[in-house]
Amino acid sequence: MAVVVCLGALAVGSDHRRVALALLAAGAATHLALDLLLLNASGYAYPVLWPLTQYHPPAGGLYLSSDRLPTVVAGLAAAALRVAVGVRAR
């Protein structure tokens, strides 16, 4: 995933590269964190740190991958953050 983040940061102009790298890394980290909370039949998550270890951490069991609620919550959080940043910038 680190390679994809670095390649994604290289795809933008040099003046925005540092911000793009930070945002892509934050997105990758939250993606992995949310994958740990999926409900799995085995009770264990997939090996999140696969190239480094084969350890399967216990799954959080909070939601299914087909649930819509996490998407709605993420969308509302993004919209609220967008409004907050827009108000602060004025």
Protein backbone atom coordinates (compact mmCIF):
# COMPACT_ATOMS: atom_id res chain seq x y z
CA MET A 1 0.00 0.00 0.00
CA ALA A 2 2.94 2.32 0.65
CA VAL A 3 4.04 1.97 -2.96
CA VAL A 4 0.58 2.98 -4.19
CA VAL A 5 0.56 6.00 -1.86
CA CYS A 6 3.97 7.13 -3.10
CA LEU A 7 3.03 6.63 -6.75
CA GLY A 8 -0.18 8.55 -6.18
CA ALA A 9 1.77 11.42 -4.66
CA LEU A 10 4.05 11.48 -7.70
CA ALA A 11 1.01 11.87 -9.95
CA VAL A 12 0.37 15.42 -8.72
CA GLY A 13 2.39 18.55 -9.20
CA SER A 14 5.42 19.15 -7.00
CA ASP A 15 3.75 22.07 -5.24
CA HIS A 16 0.93 19.80 -3.98
CA ARG A 17 2.93 16.60 -3.52
CA ARG A 18 3.40 16.81 0.25
CA VAL A 19 -0.31 17.39 0.88
CA ALA A 20 -1.27 14.62 -1.54
CA LEU A 21 1.11 12.20 0.18
CA ALA A 22 -0.35 13.02 3.60
CA LEU A 23 -3.94 12.68 2.41
CA LEU A 24 -3.29 9.41 0.57
CA ALA A 25 -1.48 7.98 3.60
CA ALA A 26 -4.33 9.02 5.90
CA GLY A 27 -6.83 7.41 3.54
CA ALA A 28 -4.85 4.18 3.41
CA ALA A 29 -4.50 4.07 7.20
CA THR A 30 -8.21 4.64 7.82
CA HIS A 31 -9.04 2.03 5.17
CA LEU A 32 -6.95 -0.55 7.02
CA ALA A 33 -8.38 0.49 10.39
CA LEU A 34 -11.96 0.16 9.15
CA ASP A 35 -11.18 -3.24 7.62
CA LEU A 36 -10.24 -4.43 11.10
CA LEU A 37 -13.80 -3.66 12.25
CA LEU A 38 -15.53 -5.84 9.64
CA LEU A 39 -17.70 -8.72 10.78
CA ASN A 40 -16.11 -11.99 9.63
CA ALA A 41 -17.41 -15.53 10.07
CA SER A 42 -14.06 -16.70 11.45
CA GLY A 43 -13.83 -13.90 14.00
CA TYR A 44 -10.46 -12.85 12.64
CA ALA A 45 -9.53 -10.12 10.19
CA TYR A 46 -7.39 -10.75 7.15
CA PRO A 47 -3.62 -10.30 7.67
CA VAL A 48 -3.54 -6.50 7.53
CA LEU A 49 0.25 -6.27 7.69
CA TRP A 50 0.70 -9.17 5.26
CA PRO A 51 4.15 -8.47 3.83
CA LEU A 52 5.53 -8.14 7.35
CA THR A 53 3.57 -10.82 9.23
CA GLN A 54 0.90 -13.49 8.70
CA TYR A 55 -0.85 -12.55 11.98
CA HIS A 56 -4.66 -12.38 11.72
CA PRO A 57 -5.84 -9.88 14.36
CA PRO A 58 -9.26 -10.39 15.93
CA ALA A 59 -11.99 -8.73 13.89
CA GLY A 60 -14.01 -5.98 15.50
CA GLY A 61 -17.26 -7.43 14.23
CA LEU A 62 -19.02 -4.07 14.07
CA TYR A 63 -20.42 -4.12 10.53
CA LEU A 64 -20.72 -6.15 7.34
CA SER A 65 -19.06 -5.03 4.15
CA SER A 66 -22.54 -4.68 2.61
CA ASP A 67 -23.82 -2.28 5.32
CA ARG A 68 -24.60 1.23 4.14
CA LEU A 69 -24.36 2.98 7.51
CA PRO A 70 -20.54 3.35 7.53
CA THR A 71 -20.74 5.05 4.12
CA VAL A 72 -23.43 7.44 5.32
CA VAL A 73 -21.45 8.29 8.47
CA ALA A 74 -18.26 8.87 6.45
CA GLY A 75 -20.15 11.09 3.98
CA LEU A 76 -21.70 13.16 6.75
CA ALA A 77 -18.33 13.54 8.47
CA ALA A 78 -16.72 14.66 5.21
CA ALA A 79 -19.51 17.16 4.54
CA ALA A 80 -19.27 18.57 8.07
CA LEU A 81 -15.51 18.93 7.74
CA ARG A 82 -15.89 20.64 4.37
CA VAL A 83 -18.34 23.14 5.86
CA ALA A 84 -16.11 23.73 8.90
CA VAL A 85 -13.04 24.38 6.75
CA GLY A 86 -15.06 26.64 4.44
CA VAL A 87 -16.37 28.71 7.34
CA ARG A 88 -12.91 29.00 8.87
CA ALA A 89 -11.36 30.12 5.57
CA ARG A 90 -13.66 33.14 5.26
